[in-house]
Amino acid sequence: MKTIYALIWRCPDELYNQQEFDARIPRLMEWLRALKAGGHLLGCGGGGFETAAGGLTLIQAGP
């Protein structure tokens, strides 16, 4: 049986720091590329909520 994890992040607008987010992007992209190369990344996307930035990543666990 497959196990799929949905990782949801959310940051209220008053706490969101674009510079901090931008500084983390290279490490985040490296992690996503590694997941994709291993066949574990099912999907990811950003967007947000009405009053917060946010995103979703779907990861398949195991083989």
PDB file of N, CA and C in Angstrom:
ATOM      1  N   MET A   1       0.835  -1.176   0.000  1.00  0.00           N
ATOM      2  CA  MET A   1       0.000   0.000   0.000  1.00  0.00           C
ATOM      3  C   MET A   1       0.888   1.252   0.000  1.00  0.00           C
ATOM      4  N   LYS A   2       0.553   2.197  -0.848  1.00  0.00           N
ATOM      5  CA  LYS A   2       1.307   3.449  -0.918  1.00  0.00           C
ATOM      6  C   LYS A   2       0.952   4.357   0.256  1.00  0.00           C
ATOM      7  N   THR A   3       1.958   5.059   0.720  1.00  0.00           N
ATOM      8  CA  THR A   3       1.736   6.098   1.727  1.00  0.00           C
ATOM      9  C   THR A   3       2.109   7.425   1.090  1.00  0.00           C
ATOM     10  N   ILE A   4       1.187   8.353   1.113  1.00  0.00           N
ATOM     11  CA  ILE A   4       1.422   9.677   0.538  1.00  0.00           C
ATOM     12  C   ILE A   4       1.238  10.719   1.634  1.00  0.00           C
ATOM     13  N   TYR A   5       2.235  11.591   1.734  1.00  0.00           N
ATOM     14  CA  TYR A   5       2.188  12.671   2.718  1.00  0.00           C
ATOM     15  C   TYR A   5       1.863  13.979   2.008  1.00  0.00           C
ATOM     16  N   ALA A   6       0.978  14.755   2.592  1.00  0.00           N
ATOM     17  CA  ALA A   6       0.662  16.095   2.108  1.00  0.00           C
ATOM     18  C   ALA A   6       1.260  17.079   3.111  1.00  0.00           C
ATOM     19  N   LEU A   7       2.260  17.825   2.669  1.00  0.00           N
ATOM     20  CA  LEU A   7       2.906  18.831   3.521  1.00  0.00           C
ATOM     21  C   LEU A   7       2.317  20.196   3.171  1.00  0.00           C
ATOM     22  N   ILE A   8       1.682  20.810   4.117  1.00  0.00           N
ATOM     23  CA  ILE A   8       1.051  22.106   3.902  1.00  0.00           C
ATOM     24  C   ILE A   8       1.744  23.127   4.797  1.00  0.00           C
ATOM     25  N   TRP A   9       2.158  24.226   4.187  1.00  0.00           N
ATOM     26  CA  TRP A   9       2.737  25.286   5.011  1.00  0.00           C
ATOM     27  C   TRP A   9       1.902  26.549   4.830  1.00  0.00           C
ATOM     28  N   ARG A  10       1.862  27.319   5.882  1.00  0.00           N
ATOM     29  CA  ARG A  10       1.069  28.538   5.897  1.00  0.00           C
ATOM     30  C   ARG A  10       1.775  29.543   6.799  1.00  0.00           C
ATOM     31  N   CYS A  11       1.854  30.779   6.346  1.00  0.00           N
ATOM     32  CA  CYS A  11       2.482  31.833   7.142  1.00  0.00           C
ATOM     33  C   CYS A  11       1.620  33.093   7.044  1.00  0.00           C
ATOM     34  N   PRO A  12       1.073  33.555   8.155  1.00  0.00           N
ATOM     35  CA  PRO A  12       0.250  34.764   8.134  1.00  0.00           C
ATOM     36  C   PRO A  12       1.009  35.939   7.513  1.00  0.00           C
ATOM     37  N   ASP A  13       0.284  36.764   6.773  1.00  0.00           N
ATOM     38  CA  ASP A  13       0.895  37.903   6.082  1.00  0.00           C
ATOM     39  C   ASP A  13       1.735  38.779   7.003  1.00  0.00           C
ATOM     40  N   GLU A  14       1.290  38.977   8.240  1.00  0.00           N
ATOM     41  CA  GLU A  14       2.025  39.876   9.138  1.00  0.00           C
ATOM     42  C   GLU A  14       3.354  39.285   9.602  1.00  0.00           C
ATOM     43  N   LEU A  15       3.546  37.973   9.430  1.00  0.00           N
ATOM     44  CA  LEU A  15       4.804  37.329   9.817  1.00  0.00           C
ATOM     45  C   LEU A  15       5.683  36.974   8.624  1.00  0.00           C
ATOM     46  N   TYR A  16       5.116  36.990   7.424  1.00  0.00           N
ATOM     47  CA  TYR A  16       5.839  36.552   6.225  1.00  0.00           C
ATOM     48  C   TYR A  16       6.978  37.511   5.898  1.00  0.00           C
ATOM     49  N   ASN A  17       8.159  36.953   5.642  1.00  0.00           N
ATOM     50  CA  ASN A  17       9.338  37.747   5.311  1.00  0.00           C
ATOM     51  C   ASN A  17       9.873  37.253   3.963  1.00  0.00           C
ATOM     52  N   GLN A  18       9.667  38.038   2.920  1.00  0.00           N
ATOM     53  CA  GLN A  18      10.056  37.622   1.569  1.00  0.00           C
ATOM     54  C   GLN A  18      11.557  37.374   1.457  1.00  0.00           C
ATOM     55  N   GLN A  19      12.375  38.188   2.100  1.00  0.00           N
ATOM     56  CA  GLN A  19      13.827  38.004   2.030  1.00  0.00           C
ATOM     57  C   GLN A  19      14.247  36.677   2.654  1.00  0.00           C
ATOM     58  N   GLU A  20      13.657  36.325   3.776  1.00  0.00           N
ATOM     59  CA  GLU A  20      13.973  35.052   4.424  1.00  0.00           C
ATOM     60  C   GLU A  20      13.531  33.886   3.543  1.00  0.00           C
ATOM     61  N   PHE A  21      12.347  34.006   2.955  1.00  0.00           N
ATOM     62  CA  PHE A  21      11.847  32.966   2.056  1.00  0.00           C
ATOM     63  C   PHE A  21      12.786  32.800   0.860  1.00  0.00           C
ATOM     64  N   ASP A  22      13.172  33.915   0.238  1.00  0.00           N
ATOM     65  CA  ASP A  22      14.077  33.871  -0.918  1.00  0.00           C
ATOM     66  C   ASP A  22      15.416  33.230  -0.561  1.00  0.00           C
ATOM     67  N   ALA A  23      15.906  33.484   0.646  1.00  0.00           N
ATOM     68  CA  ALA A  23      17.182  32.911   1.081  1.00  0.00           C
ATOM     69  C   ALA A  23      17.090  31.393   1.237  1.00  0.00           C
ATOM     70  N   ARG A  24      15.907  30.887   1.510  1.00  0.00           N
ATOM     71  CA  ARG A  24      15.724  29.442   1.703  1.00  0.00           C
ATOM     72  C   ARG A  24      15.439  28.694   0.404  1.00  0.00           C
ATOM     73  N   ILE A  25      15.107  29.403  -0.658  1.00  0.00           N
ATOM     74  CA  ILE A  25      14.723  28.764  -1.923  1.00  0.00           C
ATOM     75  C   ILE A  25      15.794  27.814  -2.467  1.00  0.00           C
ATOM     76  N   PRO A  26      17.071  28.172  -2.509  1.00  0.00           N
ATOM     77  CA  PRO A  26      18.056  27.226  -3.060  1.00  0.00           C
ATOM     78  C   PRO A  26      18.059  25.873  -2.340  1.00  0.00           C
ATOM     79  N   ARG A  27      17.993  25.875  -1.029  1.00  0.00           N
ATOM     80  CA  ARG A  27      17.972  24.623  -0.263  1.00  0.00           C
ATOM     81  C   ARG A  27      16.665  23.864  -0.504  1.00  0.00           C
ATOM     82  N   LEU A  28      15.568  24.579  -0.579  1.00  0.00           N
ATOM     83  CA  LEU A  28      14.269  23.960  -0.852  1.00  0.00           C
ATOM     84  C   LEU A  28      14.259  23.300  -2.228  1.00  0.00           C
ATOM     85  N   MET A  29      14.788  23.999  -3.227  1.00  0.00           N
ATOM     86  CA  MET A  29      14.805  23.447  -4.586  1.00  0.00           C
ATOM     87  C   MET A  29      15.702  22.216  -4.668  1.00  0.00           C
ATOM     88  N   GLU A  30      16.801  22.212  -3.951  1.00  0.00           N
ATOM     89  CA  GLU A  30      17.687  21.042  -3.907  1.00  0.00           C
ATOM     90  C   GLU A  30      16.937  19.833  -3.333  1.00  0.00           C
ATOM     91  N   TRP A  31      16.195  20.059  -2.263  1.00  0.00           N
ATOM     92  CA  TRP A  31      15.405  18.995  -1.635  1.00  0.00           C
ATOM     93  C   TRP A  31      14.332  18.476  -2.595  1.00  0.00           C
ATOM     94  N   LEU A  32      13.633  19.389  -3.268  1.00  0.00           N
ATOM     95  CA  LEU A  32      12.589  18.974  -4.211  1.00  0.00           C
ATOM     96  C   LEU A  32      13.178  18.205  -5.389  1.00  0.00           C
ATOM     97  N   ARG A  33      14.333  18.636  -5.901  1.00  0.00           N
ATOM     98  CA  ARG A  33      14.985  17.905  -7.004  1.00  0.00           C
ATOM     99  C   ARG A  33      15.377  16.497  -6.571  1.00  0.00           C
ATOM    100  N   ALA A  34      15.878  16.356  -5.345  1.00  0.00           N
ATOM    101  CA  ALA A  34      16.253  15.034  -4.831  1.00  0.00           C
ATOM    102  C   ALA A  34      15.021  14.141  -4.689  1.00  0.00           C
ATOM    103  N   LEU A  35      13.923  14.694  -4.204  1.00  0.00           N
ATOM    104  CA  LEU A  35      12.680  13.921  -4.104  1.00  0.00           C
ATOM    105  C   LEU A  35      12.209  13.474  -5.484  1.00  0.00           C
ATOM    106  N   LYS A  36      12.272  14.383  -6.454  1.00  0.00           N
ATOM    107  CA  LYS A  36      11.839  14.058  -7.817  1.00  0.00           C
ATOM    108  C   LYS A  36      12.733  12.981  -8.421  1.00  0.00           C
ATOM    109  N   ALA A  37      14.039  13.113  -8.246  1.00  0.00           N
ATOM    110  CA  ALA A  37      14.983  12.135  -8.798  1.00  0.00           C
ATOM    111  C   ALA A  37      14.741  10.746  -8.216  1.00  0.00           C
ATOM    112  N   GLY A  38      14.307  10.687  -6.969  1.00  0.00           N
ATOM    113  CA  GLY A  38      14.029   9.408  -6.323  1.00  0.00           C
ATOM    114  C   GLY A  38      12.626   8.890  -6.589  1.00  0.00           C
ATOM    115  N   GLY A  39      11.853   9.633  -7.376  1.00  0.00           N
ATOM    116  CA  GLY A  39      10.497   9.212  -7.694  1.00  0.00           C
ATOM    117  C   GLY A  39       9.495   9.422  -6.570  1.00  0.00           C
ATOM    118  N   HIS A  40       9.825  10.295  -5.625  1.00  0.00           N
ATOM    119  CA  HIS A  40       8.952  10.497  -4.464  1.00  0.00           C
ATOM    120  C   HIS A  40       8.109  11.767  -4.536  1.00  0.00           C
ATOM    121  N   LEU A  41       8.486  12.705  -5.385  1.00  0.00           N
ATOM    122  CA  LEU A  41       7.736  13.957  -5.477  1.00  0.00           C
ATOM    123  C   LEU A  41       6.548  13.756  -6.409  1.00  0.00           C
ATOM    124  N   LEU A  42       5.361  13.888  -5.872  1.00  0.00           N
ATOM    125  CA  LEU A  42       4.153  13.726  -6.672  1.00  0.00           C
ATOM    126  C   LEU A  42       3.634  15.058  -7.178  1.00  0.00           C
ATOM    127  N   GLY A  43       3.877  16.119  -6.437  1.00  0.00           N
ATOM    128  CA  GLY A  43       3.432  17.431  -6.866  1.00  0.00           C
ATOM    129  C   GLY A  43       3.725  18.470  -5.806  1.00  0.00           C
ATOM    130  N   CYS A  44       3.813  19.701  -6.247  1.00  0.00           N
ATOM    131  CA  CYS A  44       3.971  20.790  -5.291  1.00  0.00           C
ATOM    132  C   CYS A  44       3.489  22.073  -5.935  1.00  0.00           C
ATOM    133  N   GLY A  45       3.103  22.998  -5.108  1.00  0.00           N
ATOM    134  CA  GLY A  45       2.627  24.264  -5.622  1.00  0.00           C
ATOM    135  C   GLY A  45       2.485  25.267  -4.503  1.00  0.00           C
ATOM    136  N   GLY A  46       2.447  26.480  -4.894  1.00  0.00           N
ATOM    137  CA  GLY A  46       2.287  27.556  -3.934  1.00  0.00           C
ATOM    138  C   GLY A  46       1.057  28.347  -4.293  1.00  0.00           C
ATOM    139  N   GLY A  47       0.846  29.331  -3.586  1.00  0.00           N
ATOM    140  CA  GLY A  47      -0.321  30.157  -3.824  1.00  0.00           C
ATOM    141  C   GLY A  47      -0.595  30.936  -2.579  1.00  0.00           C
ATOM    142  N   GLY A  48      -1.390  30.369  -1.781  1.00  0.00           N
ATOM    143  CA  GLY A  48      -1.645  31.019  -0.520  1.00  0.00           C
ATOM    144  C   GLY A  48      -3.100  30.964  -0.128  1.00  0.00           C
ATOM    145  N   PHE A  49      -3.338  31.618   0.959  1.00  0.00           N
ATOM    146  CA  PHE A  49      -4.663  31.711   1.537  1.00  0.00           C
ATOM    147  C   PHE A  49      -5.062  33.180   1.516  1.00  0.00           C
ATOM    148  N   GLU A  50      -6.272  33.479   1.900  1.00  0.00           N
ATOM    149  CA  GLU A  50      -6.751  34.856   1.857  1.00  0.00           C
ATOM    150  C   GLU A  50      -5.875  35.801   2.670  1.00  0.00           C
ATOM    151  N   THR A  51      -5.387  35.349   3.812  1.00  0.00           N
ATOM    152  CA  THR A  51      -4.599  36.231   4.685  1.00  0.00           C
ATOM    153  C   THR A  51      -3.226  35.658   5.006  1.00  0.00           C
ATOM    154  N   ALA A  52      -2.740  34.732   4.160  1.00  0.00           N
ATOM    155  CA  ALA A  52      -1.448  34.108   4.448  1.00  0.00           C
ATOM    156  C   ALA A  52      -0.838  33.522   3.183  1.00  0.00           C
ATOM    157  N   ALA A  53       0.491  33.515   3.147  1.00  0.00           N
ATOM    158  CA  ALA A  53       1.203  32.799   2.090  1.00  0.00           C
ATOM    159  C   ALA A  53       1.135  31.321   2.438  1.00  0.00           C
ATOM    160  N   GLY A  54       1.289  30.462   1.432  1.00  0.00           N
ATOM    161  CA  GLY A  54       1.247  29.040   1.737  1.00  0.00           C
ATOM    162  C   GLY A  54       1.577  28.189   0.538  1.00  0.00           C
ATOM    163  N   GLY A  55       1.625  26.898   0.763  1.00  0.00           N
ATOM    164  CA  GLY A  55       1.921  25.970  -0.306  1.00  0.00           C
ATOM    165  C   GLY A  55       1.631  24.541   0.106  1.00  0.00           C
ATOM    166  N   LEU A  56       1.766  23.643  -0.866  1.00  0.00           N
ATOM    167  CA  LEU A  56       1.475  22.232  -0.667  1.00  0.00           C
ATOM    168  C   LEU A  56       2.511  21.405  -1.409  1.00  0.00           C
ATOM    169  N   THR A  57       3.014  20.350  -0.785  1.00  0.00           N
ATOM    170  CA  THR A  57       3.915  19.392  -1.417  1.00  0.00           C
ATOM    171  C   THR A  57       3.377  18.001  -1.129  1.00  0.00           C
ATOM    172  N   LEU A  58       3.287  17.164  -2.174  1.00  0.00           N
ATOM    173  CA  LEU A  58       2.835  15.780  -2.027  1.00  0.00           C
ATOM    174  C   LEU A  58       4.021  14.858  -2.237  1.00  0.00           C
ATOM    175  N   ILE A  59       4.273  13.984  -1.258  1.00  0.00           N
ATOM    176  CA  ILE A  59       5.424  13.088  -1.284  1.00  0.00           C
ATOM    177  C   ILE A  59       4.951  11.658  -1.078  1.00  0.00           C
ATOM    178  N   GLN A  60       5.472  10.760  -1.922  1.00  0.00           N
ATOM    179  CA  GLN A  60       5.192   9.334  -1.752  1.00  0.00           C
ATOM    180  C   GLN A  60       6.305   8.713  -0.929  1.00  0.00           C
ATOM    181  N   ALA A  61       5.947   8.007   0.121  1.00  0.00           N
ATOM    182  CA  ALA A  61       6.931   7.347   0.976  1.00  0.00           C
ATOM    183  C   ALA A  61       7.227   5.953   0.448  1.00  0.00           C
ATOM    184  N   GLY A  62       8.419   5.497   0.698  1.00  0.00           N
ATOM    185  CA  GLY A  62       8.796   4.132   0.325  1.00  0.00           C
ATOM    186  C   GLY A  62       9.104   3.976  -1.149  1.00  0.00           C
ATOM    187  N   PRO A  63       9.216   2.718  -1.587  1.00  0.00           N
ATOM    188  CA  PRO A  63       9.619   2.439  -2.978  1.00  0.00           C
ATOM    189  C   PRO A  63       8.592   2.843  -4.001  1.00  0.00           C
TER     190      PRO A  63
END
